[in-house]
Amino acid sequence: WAGTVAGWVAAGVIGVLFLTFTNAGRDLPWISM
């Protein structure tokens, strides 16, 4: 479960990072998760 949740968090961070340099919508972090 630790690895599983860490994967979700890391994916959410990727979504947040993409928001900083693309025009992707603000739903991207939870979609990434």
PDB file of all heavy atoms in Angstrom:
ATOM      1  N   TRP A   1       0.831  -1.204   0.000  1.00  0.00           N
ATOM      2  CA  TRP A   1       0.000   0.000   0.000  1.00  0.00           C
ATOM      3  C   TRP A   1       0.867   1.256   0.000  1.00  0.00           C
ATOM      4  O   TRP A   1       0.500   2.267  -0.609  1.00  0.00           O
ATOM      5  CB  TRP A   1      -0.927  -0.009   1.214  1.00  0.00           C
ATOM      6  CG  TRP A   1      -2.232  -0.697   0.943  1.00  0.00           C
ATOM      7  CD1 TRP A   1      -2.619  -1.927   1.368  1.00  0.00           C
ATOM      8  CD2 TRP A   1      -3.306  -0.195   0.150  1.00  0.00           C
ATOM      9  NE1 TRP A   1      -3.870  -2.236   0.892  1.00  0.00           N
ATOM     10  CE2 TRP A   1      -4.328  -1.178   0.145  1.00  0.00           C
ATOM     11  CE3 TRP A   1      -3.520   0.980  -0.561  1.00  0.00           C
ATOM     12  CZ2 TRP A   1      -5.530  -1.025  -0.534  1.00  0.00           C
ATOM     13  CZ3 TRP A   1      -4.714   1.150  -1.244  1.00  0.00           C
ATOM     14  CH2 TRP A   1      -5.705   0.161  -1.226  1.00  0.00           C
ATOM     15  N   ALA A   2       2.016   1.198   0.674  1.00  0.00           N
ATOM     16  CA  ALA A   2       2.916   2.358   0.686  1.00  0.00           C
ATOM     17  C   ALA A   2       3.377   2.697  -0.730  1.00  0.00           C
ATOM     18  O   ALA A   2       3.365   3.866  -1.148  1.00  0.00           O
ATOM     19  CB  ALA A   2       4.124   2.074   1.590  1.00  0.00           C
ATOM     20  N   GLY A   3       3.785   1.687  -1.474  1.00  0.00           N
ATOM     21  CA  GLY A   3       4.216   1.915  -2.846  1.00  0.00           C
ATOM     22  C   GLY A   3       3.085   2.361  -3.742  1.00  0.00           C
ATOM     23  O   GLY A   3       3.262   3.213  -4.623  1.00  0.00           O
ATOM     24  N   THR A   4       1.903   1.793  -3.515  1.00  0.00           N
ATOM     25  CA  THR A   4       0.739   2.152  -4.327  1.00  0.00           C
ATOM     26  C   THR A   4       0.371   3.621  -4.144  1.00  0.00           C
ATOM     27  O   THR A   4       0.185   4.355  -5.125  1.00  0.00           O
ATOM     28  CB  THR A   4      -0.459   1.263  -3.942  1.00  0.00           C
ATOM     29  OG1 THR A   4      -0.116  -0.108  -4.167  1.00  0.00           O
ATOM     30  CG2 THR A   4      -1.679   1.616  -4.778  1.00  0.00           C
ATOM     31  N   VAL A   5       0.276   4.059  -2.897  1.00  0.00           N
ATOM     32  CA  VAL A   5      -0.085   5.447  -2.614  1.00  0.00           C
ATOM     33  C   VAL A   5       1.018   6.395  -3.082  1.00  0.00           C
ATOM     34  O   VAL A   5       0.738   7.481  -3.607  1.00  0.00           O
ATOM     35  CB  VAL A   5      -0.368   5.627  -1.111  1.00  0.00           C
ATOM     36  CG1 VAL A   5      -0.594   7.098  -0.780  1.00  0.00           C
ATOM     37  CG2 VAL A   5      -1.585   4.800  -0.702  1.00  0.00           C
ATOM     38  N   ALA A   6       2.281   5.992  -2.906  1.00  0.00           N
ATOM     39  CA  ALA A   6       3.388   6.823  -3.392  1.00  0.00           C
ATOM     40  C   ALA A   6       3.284   7.026  -4.900  1.00  0.00           C
ATOM     41  O   ALA A   6       3.588   8.119  -5.408  1.00  0.00           O
ATOM     42  CB  ALA A   6       4.723   6.179  -3.031  1.00  0.00           C
ATOM     43  N   GLY A   7       2.864   5.996  -5.617  1.00  0.00           N
ATOM     44  CA  GLY A   7       2.672   6.129  -7.062  1.00  0.00           C
ATOM     45  C   GLY A   7       1.599   7.142  -7.402  1.00  0.00           C
ATOM     46  O   GLY A   7       1.760   7.942  -8.337  1.00  0.00           O
ATOM     47  N   TRP A   8       0.488   7.126  -6.649  1.00  0.00           N
ATOM     48  CA  TRP A   8      -0.580   8.108  -6.881  1.00  0.00           C
ATOM     49  C   TRP A   8      -0.072   9.531  -6.646  1.00  0.00           C
ATOM     50  O   TRP A   8      -0.344  10.436  -7.441  1.00  0.00           O
ATOM     51  CB  TRP A   8      -1.758   7.842  -5.951  1.00  0.00           C
ATOM     52  CG  TRP A   8      -2.414   6.515  -6.128  1.00  0.00           C
ATOM     53  CD1 TRP A   8      -2.298   5.671  -7.197  1.00  0.00           C
ATOM     54  CD2 TRP A   8      -3.292   5.860  -5.203  1.00  0.00           C
ATOM     55  NE1 TRP A   8      -3.038   4.535  -6.997  1.00  0.00           N
ATOM     56  CE2 TRP A   8      -3.667   4.620  -5.794  1.00  0.00           C
ATOM     57  CE3 TRP A   8      -3.784   6.199  -3.954  1.00  0.00           C
ATOM     58  CZ2 TRP A   8      -4.514   3.719  -5.163  1.00  0.00           C
ATOM     59  CZ3 TRP A   8      -4.639   5.300  -3.311  1.00  0.00           C
ATOM     60  CH2 TRP A   8      -4.997   4.079  -3.906  1.00  0.00           C
ATOM     61  N   VAL A   9       0.658   9.716  -5.549  1.00  0.00           N
ATOM     62  CA  VAL A   9       1.162  11.054  -5.214  1.00  0.00           C
ATOM     63  C   VAL A   9       2.138  11.536  -6.291  1.00  0.00           C
ATOM     64  O   VAL A   9       2.072  12.694  -6.732  1.00  0.00           O
ATOM     65  CB  VAL A   9       1.848  11.041  -3.833  1.00  0.00           C
ATOM     66  CG1 VAL A   9       2.518  12.376  -3.555  1.00  0.00           C
ATOM     67  CG2 VAL A   9       0.830  10.720  -2.736  1.00  0.00           C
ATOM     68  N   ALA A  10       3.044  10.665  -6.707  1.00  0.00           N
ATOM     69  CA  ALA A  10       4.011  11.038  -7.742  1.00  0.00           C
ATOM     70  C   ALA A  10       3.308  11.409  -9.043  1.00  0.00           C
ATOM     71  O   ALA A  10       3.690  12.381  -9.717  1.00  0.00           O
ATOM     72  CB  ALA A  10       4.986   9.885  -7.976  1.00  0.00           C
ATOM     73  N   ALA A  11       2.271  10.667  -9.403  1.00  0.00           N
ATOM     74  CA  ALA A  11       1.518  10.978 -10.615  1.00  0.00           C
ATOM     75  C   ALA A  11       0.832  12.333 -10.491  1.00  0.00           C
ATOM     76  O   ALA A  11       0.813  13.123 -11.460  1.00  0.00           O
ATOM     77  CB  ALA A  11       0.481   9.888 -10.877  1.00  0.00           C
ATOM     78  N   GLY A  12       0.266  12.619  -9.316  1.00  0.00           N
ATOM     79  CA  GLY A  12      -0.352  13.923  -9.101  1.00  0.00           C
ATOM     80  C   GLY A  12       0.641  15.050  -9.250  1.00  0.00           C
ATOM     81  O   GLY A  12       0.332  16.116  -9.804  1.00  0.00           O
ATOM     82  N   VAL A  13       1.875  14.839  -8.777  1.00  0.00           N
ATOM     83  CA  VAL A  13       2.926  15.852  -8.920  1.00  0.00           C
ATOM     84  C   VAL A  13       3.263  16.075 -10.395  1.00  0.00           C
ATOM     85  O   VAL A  13       3.461  17.221 -10.822  1.00  0.00           O
ATOM     86  CB  VAL A  13       4.180  15.431  -8.125  1.00  0.00           C
ATOM     87  CG1 VAL A  13       5.354  16.359  -8.441  1.00  0.00           C
ATOM     88  CG2 VAL A  13       3.884  15.437  -6.632  1.00  0.00           C
ATOM     89  N   ILE A  14       3.322  14.994 -11.169  1.00  0.00           N
ATOM     90  CA  ILE A  14       3.557  15.139 -12.612  1.00  0.00           C
ATOM     91  C   ILE A  14       2.462  15.996 -13.230  1.00  0.00           C
ATOM     92  O   ILE A  14       2.717  16.884 -14.057  1.00  0.00           O
ATOM     93  CB  ILE A  14       3.603  13.757 -13.307  1.00  0.00           C
ATOM     94  CG1 ILE A  14       4.824  12.965 -12.846  1.00  0.00           C
ATOM     95  CG2 ILE A  14       3.601  13.910 -14.829  1.00  0.00           C
ATOM     96  CD1 ILE A  14       6.150  13.528 -13.270  1.00  0.00           C
ATOM     97  N   GLY A  15       1.215  15.761 -12.825  1.00  0.00           N
ATOM     98  CA  GLY A  15       0.109  16.570 -13.333  1.00  0.00           C
ATOM     99  C   GLY A  15       0.269  18.034 -12.981  1.00  0.00           C
ATOM    100  O   GLY A  15       0.049  18.920 -13.818  1.00  0.00           O
ATOM    101  N   VAL A  16       0.674  18.321 -11.738  1.00  0.00           N
ATOM    102  CA  VAL A  16       0.885  19.707 -11.317  1.00  0.00           C
ATOM    103  C   VAL A  16       2.009  20.350 -12.124  1.00  0.00           C
ATOM    104  O   VAL A  16       1.897  21.511 -12.567  1.00  0.00           O
ATOM    105  CB  VAL A  16       1.212  19.758  -9.802  1.00  0.00           C
ATOM    106  CG1 VAL A  16       1.650  21.164  -9.396  1.00  0.00           C
ATOM    107  CG2 VAL A  16       0.000  19.326  -8.982  1.00  0.00           C
ATOM    108  N   LEU A  17       3.096  19.624 -12.335  1.00  0.00           N
ATOM    109  CA  LEU A  17       4.213  20.154 -13.114  1.00  0.00           C
ATOM    110  C   LEU A  17       3.788  20.484 -14.539  1.00  0.00           C
ATOM    111  O   LEU A  17       4.195  21.517 -15.094  1.00  0.00           O
ATOM    112  CB  LEU A  17       5.373  19.154 -13.125  1.00  0.00           C
ATOM    113  CG  LEU A  17       6.107  18.957 -11.788  1.00  0.00           C
ATOM    114  CD1 LEU A  17       7.149  17.854 -11.913  1.00  0.00           C
ATOM    115  CD2 LEU A  17       6.759  20.262 -11.350  1.00  0.00           C
ATOM    116  N   PHE A  18       2.971  19.620 -15.139  1.00  0.00           N
ATOM    117  CA  PHE A  18       2.513  19.879 -16.510  1.00  0.00           C
ATOM    118  C   PHE A  18       1.641  21.130 -16.570  1.00  0.00           C
ATOM    119  O   PHE A  18       1.605  21.812 -17.596  1.00  0.00           O
ATOM    120  CB  PHE A  18       1.773  18.663 -17.059  1.00  0.00           C
ATOM    121  CG  PHE A  18       2.622  17.776 -17.920  1.00  0.00           C
ATOM    122  CD1 PHE A  18       3.648  17.024 -17.361  1.00  0.00           C
ATOM    123  CD2 PHE A  18       2.422  17.697 -19.280  1.00  0.00           C
ATOM    124  CE1 PHE A  18       4.456  16.223 -18.143  1.00  0.00           C
ATOM    125  CE2 PHE A  18       3.221  16.897 -20.084  1.00  0.00           C
ATOM    126  CZ  PHE A  18       4.246  16.147 -19.511  1.00  0.00           C
ATOM    127  N   LEU A  19       0.940  21.432 -15.489  1.00  0.00           N
ATOM    128  CA  LEU A  19       0.131  22.649 -15.470  1.00  0.00           C
ATOM    129  C   LEU A  19       0.984  23.906 -15.543  1.00  0.00           C
ATOM    130  O   LEU A  19       0.516  24.956 -15.995  1.00  0.00           O
ATOM    131  CB  LEU A  19      -0.716  22.697 -14.191  1.00  0.00           C
ATOM    132  CG  LEU A  19      -1.879  21.712 -14.078  1.00  0.00           C
ATOM    133  CD1 LEU A  19      -2.645  21.950 -12.790  1.00  0.00           C
ATOM    134  CD2 LEU A  19      -2.814  21.825 -15.273  1.00  0.00           C
ATOM    135  N   THR A  20       2.240  23.816 -15.112  1.00  0.00           N
ATOM    136  CA  THR A  20       3.088  25.008 -15.060  1.00  0.00           C
ATOM    137  C   THR A  20       3.642  25.418 -16.410  1.00  0.00           C
ATOM    138  O   THR A  20       4.036  26.576 -16.586  1.00  0.00           O
ATOM    139  CB  THR A  20       4.266  24.791 -14.080  1.00  0.00           C
ATOM    140  OG1 THR A  20       5.122  23.754 -14.594  1.00  0.00           O
ATOM    141  CG2 THR A  20       3.769  24.408 -12.698  1.00  0.00           C
ATOM    142  N   PHE A  21       3.696  24.483 -17.376  1.00  0.00           N
ATOM    143  CA  PHE A  21       4.290  24.856 -18.667  1.00  0.00           C
ATOM    144  C   PHE A  21       3.451  24.431 -19.873  1.00  0.00           C
ATOM    145  O   PHE A  21       3.919  24.474 -21.010  1.00  0.00           O
ATOM    146  CB  PHE A  21       5.723  24.295 -18.807  1.00  0.00           C
ATOM    147  CG  PHE A  21       5.827  22.806 -18.700  1.00  0.00           C
ATOM    148  CD1 PHE A  21       5.626  22.004 -19.809  1.00  0.00           C
ATOM    149  CD2 PHE A  21       6.143  22.206 -17.495  1.00  0.00           C
ATOM    150  CE1 PHE A  21       5.730  20.633 -19.727  1.00  0.00           C
ATOM    151  CE2 PHE A  21       6.257  20.834 -17.398  1.00  0.00           C
ATOM    152  CZ  PHE A  21       6.055  20.045 -18.514  1.00  0.00           C
ATOM    153  N   THR A  22       2.202  24.006 -19.635  1.00  0.00           N
ATOM    154  CA  THR A  22       1.292  23.710 -20.744  1.00  0.00           C
ATOM    155  C   THR A  22      -0.050  24.391 -20.480  1.00  0.00           C
ATOM    156  O   THR A  22      -0.269  24.951 -19.406  1.00  0.00           O
ATOM    157  CB  THR A  22       1.045  22.190 -20.894  1.00  0.00           C
ATOM    158  OG1 THR A  22       0.222  21.733 -19.812  1.00  0.00           O
ATOM    159  CG2 THR A  22       2.350  21.410 -20.915  1.00  0.00           C
ATOM    160  N   ASN A  23      -0.929  24.313 -21.454  1.00  0.00           N
ATOM    161  CA  ASN A  23      -2.272  24.879 -21.294  1.00  0.00           C
ATOM    162  C   ASN A  23      -3.293  23.812 -20.898  1.00  0.00           C
ATOM    163  O   ASN A  23      -4.488  23.981 -21.110  1.00  0.00           O
ATOM    164  CB  ASN A  23      -2.710  25.550 -22.596  1.00  0.00           C
ATOM    165  CG  ASN A  23      -2.886  24.548 -23.732  1.00  0.00           C
ATOM    166  OD1 ASN A  23      -2.252  23.500 -23.759  1.00  0.00           O
ATOM    167  ND2 ASN A  23      -3.731  24.894 -24.686  1.00  0.00           N
ATOM    168  N   ALA A  24      -2.818  22.702 -20.304  1.00  0.00           N
ATOM    169  CA  ALA A  24      -3.724  21.635 -19.858  1.00  0.00           C
ATOM    170  C   ALA A  24      -4.650  22.161 -18.766  1.00  0.00           C
ATOM    171  O   ALA A  24      -4.295  23.064 -18.005  1.00  0.00           O
ATOM    172  CB  ALA A  24      -2.919  20.446 -19.344  1.00  0.00           C
ATOM    173  N   GLY A  25      -5.827  21.585 -18.673  1.00  0.00           N
ATOM    174  CA  GLY A  25      -6.811  22.030 -17.688  1.00  0.00           C
ATOM    175  C   GLY A  25      -6.417  21.686 -16.264  1.00  0.00           C
ATOM    176  O   GLY A  25      -5.574  20.811 -16.021  1.00  0.00           O
ATOM    177  N   ARG A  26      -7.044  22.337 -15.296  1.00  0.00           N
ATOM    178  CA  ARG A  26      -6.657  22.179 -13.893  1.00  0.00           C
ATOM    179  C   ARG A  26      -7.084  20.839 -13.305  1.00  0.00           C
ATOM    180  O   ARG A  26      -6.734  20.525 -12.165  1.00  0.00           O
ATOM    181  CB  ARG A  26      -7.243  23.319 -13.072  1.00  0.00           C
ATOM    182  CG  ARG A  26      -8.763  23.402 -13.095  1.00  0.00           C
ATOM    183  CD  ARG A  26      -9.233  24.632 -12.355  1.00  0.00           C
ATOM    184  NE  ARG A  26     -10.695  24.751 -12.371  1.00  0.00           N
ATOM    185  CZ  ARG A  26     -11.357  25.762 -11.823  1.00  0.00           C
ATOM    186  NH1 ARG A  26     -10.693  26.744 -11.240  1.00  0.00           N
ATOM    187  NH2 ARG A  26     -12.676  25.800 -11.881  1.00  0.00           N
ATOM    188  N   ASP A  27      -7.840  20.054 -14.050  1.00  0.00           N
ATOM    189  CA  ASP A  27      -8.198  18.710 -13.582  1.00  0.00           C
ATOM    190  C   ASP A  27      -7.063  17.704 -13.777  1.00  0.00           C
ATOM    191  O   ASP A  27      -7.175  16.552 -13.337  1.00  0.00           O
ATOM    192  CB  ASP A  27      -9.428  18.189 -14.336  1.00  0.00           C
ATOM    193  CG  ASP A  27     -10.691  18.955 -13.977  1.00  0.00           C
ATOM    194  OD1 ASP A  27     -10.770  19.447 -12.842  1.00  0.00           O
ATOM    195  OD2 ASP A  27     -11.585  19.060 -14.837  1.00  0.00           O
ATOM    196  N   LEU A  28      -5.982  18.133 -14.425  1.00  0.00           N
ATOM    197  CA  LEU A  28      -4.921  17.187 -14.796  1.00  0.00           C
ATOM    198  C   LEU A  28      -4.315  16.441 -13.600  1.00  0.00           C
ATOM    199  O   LEU A  28      -4.034  15.243 -13.734  1.00  0.00           O
ATOM    200  CB  LEU A  28      -3.825  17.906 -15.579  1.00  0.00           C
ATOM    201  CG  LEU A  28      -2.815  16.994 -16.280  1.00  0.00           C
ATOM    202  CD1 LEU A  28      -3.522  16.118 -17.314  1.00  0.00           C
ATOM    203  CD2 LEU A  28      -1.718  17.810 -16.951  1.00  0.00           C
ATOM    204  N   PRO A  29      -4.079  17.078 -12.435  1.00  0.00           N
ATOM    205  CA  PRO A  29      -3.477  16.314 -11.325  1.00  0.00           C
ATOM    206  C   PRO A  29      -4.288  15.091 -10.898  1.00  0.00           C
ATOM    207  O   PRO A  29      -3.730  13.994 -10.750  1.00  0.00           O
ATOM    208  CB  PRO A  29      -3.381  17.347 -10.202  1.00  0.00           C
ATOM    209  CG  PRO A  29      -3.235  18.652 -10.920  1.00  0.00           C
ATOM    210  CD  PRO A  29      -4.125  18.519 -12.130  1.00  0.00           C
ATOM    211  N   TRP A  30      -5.617  15.249 -10.710  1.00  0.00           N
ATOM    212  CA  TRP A  30      -6.383  14.080 -10.268  1.00  0.00           C
ATOM    213  C   TRP A  30      -6.586  13.080 -11.401  1.00  0.00           C
ATOM    214  O   TRP A  30      -6.675  11.871 -11.165  1.00  0.00           O
ATOM    215  CB  TRP A  30      -7.705  14.482  -9.623  1.00  0.00           C
ATOM    216  CG  TRP A  30      -8.753  15.096 -10.507  1.00  0.00           C
ATOM    217  CD1 TRP A  30      -9.006  16.406 -10.700  1.00  0.00           C
ATOM    218  CD2 TRP A  30      -9.718  14.394 -11.311  1.00  0.00           C
ATOM    219  NE1 TRP A  30     -10.055  16.595 -11.570  1.00  0.00           N
ATOM    220  CE2 TRP A  30     -10.519  15.371 -11.956  1.00  0.00           C
ATOM    221  CE3 TRP A  30      -9.987  13.053 -11.541  1.00  0.00           C
ATOM    222  CZ2 TRP A  30     -11.555  15.036 -12.829  1.00  0.00           C
ATOM    223  CZ3 TRP A  30     -11.025  12.711 -12.412  1.00  0.00           C
ATOM    224  CH2 TRP A  30     -11.788  13.699 -13.044  1.00  0.00           C
ATOM    225  N   ILE A  31      -6.610  13.573 -12.648  1.00  0.00           N
ATOM    226  CA  ILE A  31      -6.656  12.640 -13.780  1.00  0.00           C
ATOM    227  C   ILE A  31      -5.354  11.840 -13.843  1.00  0.00           C
ATOM    228  O   ILE A  31      -5.363  10.641 -14.145  1.00  0.00           O
ATOM    229  CB  ILE A  31      -6.903  13.401 -15.094  1.00  0.00           C
ATOM    230  CG1 ILE A  31      -8.294  14.036 -15.083  1.00  0.00           C
ATOM    231  CG2 ILE A  31      -6.756  12.471 -16.297  1.00  0.00           C
ATOM    232  CD1 ILE A  31      -8.580  14.922 -16.275  1.00  0.00           C
ATOM    233  N   SER A  32      -4.247  12.495 -13.547  1.00  0.00           N
ATOM    234  CA  SER A  32      -2.955  11.805 -13.507  1.00  0.00           C
ATOM    235  C   SER A  32      -2.967  10.699 -12.451  1.00  0.00           C
ATOM    236  O   SER A  32      -2.406   9.614 -12.655  1.00  0.00           O
ATOM    237  CB  SER A  32      -1.833  12.794 -13.200  1.00  0.00           C
ATOM    238  OG  SER A  32      -1.732  13.789 -14.197  1.00  0.00           O
ATOM    239  N   MET A  33      -3.620  10.957 -11.334  1.00  0.00           N
ATOM    240  CA  MET A  33      -3.689   9.951 -10.276  1.00  0.00           C
ATOM    241  C   MET A  33      -4.561   8.761 -10.696  1.00  0.00           C
ATOM    242  O   MET A  33      -4.245   7.607 -10.380  1.00  0.00           O
ATOM    243  CB  MET A  33      -4.206  10.588  -8.989  1.00  0.00           C
ATOM    244  CG  MET A  33      -3.270  11.655  -8.437  1.00  0.00           C
ATOM    245  SD  MET A  33      -3.899  12.523  -6.988  1.00  0.00           S
ATOM    246  CE  MET A  33      -3.573  11.299  -5.710  1.00  0.00           C
TER     247      MET A  33
END
